[in-house]
Amino acid sequence: MQKTSGKGQLAATGSSSALPTIALMSGVATAVGAGAIINVRRRKAAAGTGDGMGATA
């Protein structure tokens, strides 16, 4: 068995430092999209679409 000096560097994993920013922006985009869908459905339910589905759609 060989002994090592313990002075080496860890291998680079290739992970980008922009990953947390990308993840945050995708989360924000998902939340905005969900909010828009909920807003449109509430407006349609309040206005009465006349399709018989009501607020359950």
N, C-alpha and C. Protein backbone atom coordinates (compact mmCIF):
# COMPACT_ATOMS: atom_id res chain seq x y z
N MET A 1 0.85 -1.18 0.00
CA MET A 1 0.00 0.00 0.00
C MET A 1 0.89 1.24 0.00
N GLN A 2 0.58 2.20 -0.89
CA GLN A 2 1.35 3.43 -0.96
C GLN A 2 0.76 4.48 -0.04
N LYS A 3 1.62 5.24 0.57
CA LYS A 3 1.18 6.35 1.39
C LYS A 3 1.23 7.62 0.56
N THR A 4 0.25 8.50 0.79
CA THR A 4 0.22 9.77 0.07
C THR A 4 0.56 10.90 1.02
N SER A 5 0.98 12.01 0.44
CA SER A 5 1.39 13.15 1.27
C SER A 5 0.19 13.93 1.80
N GLY A 6 -0.97 13.80 1.16
CA GLY A 6 -2.16 14.53 1.61
C GLY A 6 -2.17 15.99 1.21
N LYS A 7 -1.29 16.36 0.29
CA LYS A 7 -1.20 17.76 -0.13
C LYS A 7 -1.86 18.00 -1.48
N GLY A 8 -2.55 17.03 -2.02
CA GLY A 8 -3.15 17.18 -3.35
C GLY A 8 -4.44 17.97 -3.33
N GLN A 9 -4.96 18.22 -4.50
CA GLN A 9 -6.21 18.96 -4.69
C GLN A 9 -7.33 17.98 -5.03
N LEU A 10 -8.54 18.35 -4.67
CA LEU A 10 -9.69 17.54 -5.05
C LEU A 10 -9.96 17.72 -6.54
N ALA A 11 -10.50 16.72 -7.15
CA ALA A 11 -10.84 16.78 -8.56
C ALA A 11 -12.01 17.73 -8.78
N ALA A 12 -12.00 18.44 -9.88
CA ALA A 12 -13.11 19.33 -10.24
C ALA A 12 -14.28 18.48 -10.72
N THR A 13 -15.48 18.81 -10.25
CA THR A 13 -16.67 18.03 -10.63
C THR A 13 -17.34 18.55 -11.88
N GLY A 14 -17.00 19.74 -12.31
CA GLY A 14 -17.62 20.30 -13.50
C GLY A 14 -18.90 21.06 -13.22
N SER A 15 -19.27 21.19 -11.97
CA SER A 15 -20.49 21.92 -11.62
C SER A 15 -20.29 23.41 -11.86
N SER A 16 -21.29 24.03 -12.45
CA SER A 16 -21.21 25.45 -12.76
C SER A 16 -21.58 26.28 -11.54
N SER A 17 -20.92 27.41 -11.38
CA SER A 17 -21.26 28.31 -10.27
C SER A 17 -22.56 29.05 -10.55
N ALA A 18 -23.06 28.99 -11.78
CA ALA A 18 -24.31 29.64 -12.13
C ALA A 18 -25.52 28.78 -11.80
N LEU A 19 -25.30 27.55 -11.37
CA LEU A 19 -26.41 26.63 -11.11
C LEU A 19 -27.40 27.16 -10.08
N PRO A 20 -26.98 27.70 -8.93
CA PRO A 20 -27.97 28.23 -7.98
C PRO A 20 -28.81 29.37 -8.57
N THR A 21 -28.20 30.21 -9.38
CA THR A 21 -28.94 31.32 -10.00
C THR A 21 -29.96 30.78 -10.99
N ILE A 22 -29.58 29.80 -11.78
CA ILE A 22 -30.50 29.20 -12.74
C ILE A 22 -31.66 28.53 -12.01
N ALA A 23 -31.37 27.82 -10.93
CA ALA A 23 -32.42 27.16 -10.16
C ALA A 23 -33.38 28.18 -9.55
N LEU A 24 -32.85 29.27 -9.04
CA LEU A 24 -33.69 30.32 -8.45
C LEU A 24 -34.60 30.94 -9.51
N MET A 25 -34.05 31.25 -10.67
CA MET A 25 -34.84 31.86 -11.73
C MET A 25 -35.92 30.92 -12.25
N SER A 26 -35.63 29.63 -12.32
CA SER A 26 -36.65 28.69 -12.77
C SER A 26 -37.75 28.56 -11.73
N GLY A 27 -37.41 28.63 -10.47
CA GLY A 27 -38.42 28.61 -9.42
C GLY A 27 -39.32 29.83 -9.47
N VAL A 28 -38.71 30.99 -9.70
CA VAL A 28 -39.49 32.23 -9.82
C VAL A 28 -40.42 32.16 -11.03
N ALA A 29 -39.90 31.66 -12.15
CA ALA A 29 -40.73 31.55 -13.36
C ALA A 29 -41.90 30.60 -13.13
N THR A 30 -41.67 29.51 -12.42
CA THR A 30 -42.75 28.56 -12.12
C THR A 30 -43.81 29.20 -11.24
N ALA A 31 -43.37 29.94 -10.23
CA ALA A 31 -44.32 30.60 -9.33
C ALA A 31 -45.14 31.66 -10.07
N VAL A 32 -44.50 32.43 -10.94
CA VAL A 32 -45.21 33.45 -11.71
C VAL A 32 -46.22 32.79 -12.65
N GLY A 33 -45.84 31.71 -13.30
CA GLY A 33 -46.75 31.00 -14.19
C GLY A 33 -47.95 30.43 -13.45
N ALA A 34 -47.69 29.84 -12.29
CA ALA A 34 -48.80 29.29 -11.49
C ALA A 34 -49.73 30.40 -11.04
N GLY A 35 -49.17 31.53 -10.64
CA GLY A 35 -49.99 32.67 -10.23
C GLY A 35 -50.85 33.19 -11.36
N ALA A 36 -50.29 33.22 -12.57
CA ALA A 36 -51.05 33.68 -13.73
C ALA A 36 -52.21 32.74 -14.04
N ILE A 37 -51.98 31.45 -13.95
CA ILE A 37 -53.04 30.47 -14.22
C ILE A 37 -54.15 30.61 -13.18
N ILE A 38 -53.79 30.74 -11.93
CA ILE A 38 -54.80 30.89 -10.86
C ILE A 38 -55.59 32.17 -11.07
N ASN A 39 -54.90 33.25 -11.43
CA ASN A 39 -55.57 34.54 -11.65
C ASN A 39 -56.57 34.45 -12.79
N VAL A 40 -56.19 33.84 -13.90
CA VAL A 40 -57.09 33.71 -15.05
C VAL A 40 -58.30 32.86 -14.69
N ARG A 41 -58.09 31.76 -13.98
CA ARG A 41 -59.22 30.90 -13.60
C ARG A 41 -60.18 31.62 -12.66
N ARG A 42 -59.65 32.41 -11.74
CA ARG A 42 -60.52 33.16 -10.83
C ARG A 42 -61.34 34.20 -11.60
N ARG A 43 -60.70 34.88 -12.54
CA ARG A 43 -61.42 35.88 -13.33
C ARG A 43 -62.52 35.24 -14.17
N LYS A 44 -62.22 34.09 -14.76
CA LYS A 44 -63.24 33.40 -15.56
C LYS A 44 -64.40 32.94 -14.69
N ALA A 45 -64.10 32.46 -13.50
CA ALA A 45 -65.15 32.00 -12.59
C ALA A 45 -66.01 33.17 -12.12
N ALA A 46 -65.38 34.31 -11.88
CA ALA A 46 -66.12 35.48 -11.42
C ALA A 46 -66.98 36.07 -12.53
N ALA A 47 -66.50 36.00 -13.75
CA ALA A 47 -67.22 36.56 -14.89
C ALA A 47 -68.32 35.63 -15.36
N GLY A 48 -68.19 34.34 -15.09
CA GLY A 48 -69.17 33.37 -15.55
C GLY A 48 -68.96 33.09 -17.02
N THR A 49 -68.33 32.00 -17.33
CA THR A 49 -67.99 31.69 -18.72
C THR A 49 -69.17 31.15 -19.49
N GLY A 50 -70.20 30.64 -18.81
CA GLY A 50 -71.36 30.12 -19.49
C GLY A 50 -71.17 28.74 -20.07
N ASP A 51 -70.07 28.08 -19.74
CA ASP A 51 -69.84 26.74 -20.29
C ASP A 51 -70.29 25.63 -19.34
N GLY A 52 -70.87 26.02 -18.22
CA GLY A 52 -71.38 25.02 -17.28
C GLY A 52 -70.32 24.43 -16.37
N MET A 53 -69.08 24.81 -16.55
CA MET A 53 -68.01 24.26 -15.72
C MET A 53 -67.86 25.03 -14.42
N GLY A 54 -68.11 26.31 -14.42
CA GLY A 54 -68.02 27.12 -13.21
C GLY A 54 -66.59 27.18 -12.69
N ALA A 55 -66.44 27.28 -11.37
CA ALA A 55 -65.13 27.42 -10.75
C ALA A 55 -64.44 26.07 -10.58
N THR A 56 -65.08 24.98 -10.94
CA THR A 56 -64.47 23.66 -10.76
C THR A 56 -63.53 23.29 -11.89
N ALA A 57 -63.48 24.08 -12.93
CA ALA A 57 -62.61 23.78 -14.08
C ALA A 57 -61.17 24.00 -13.75
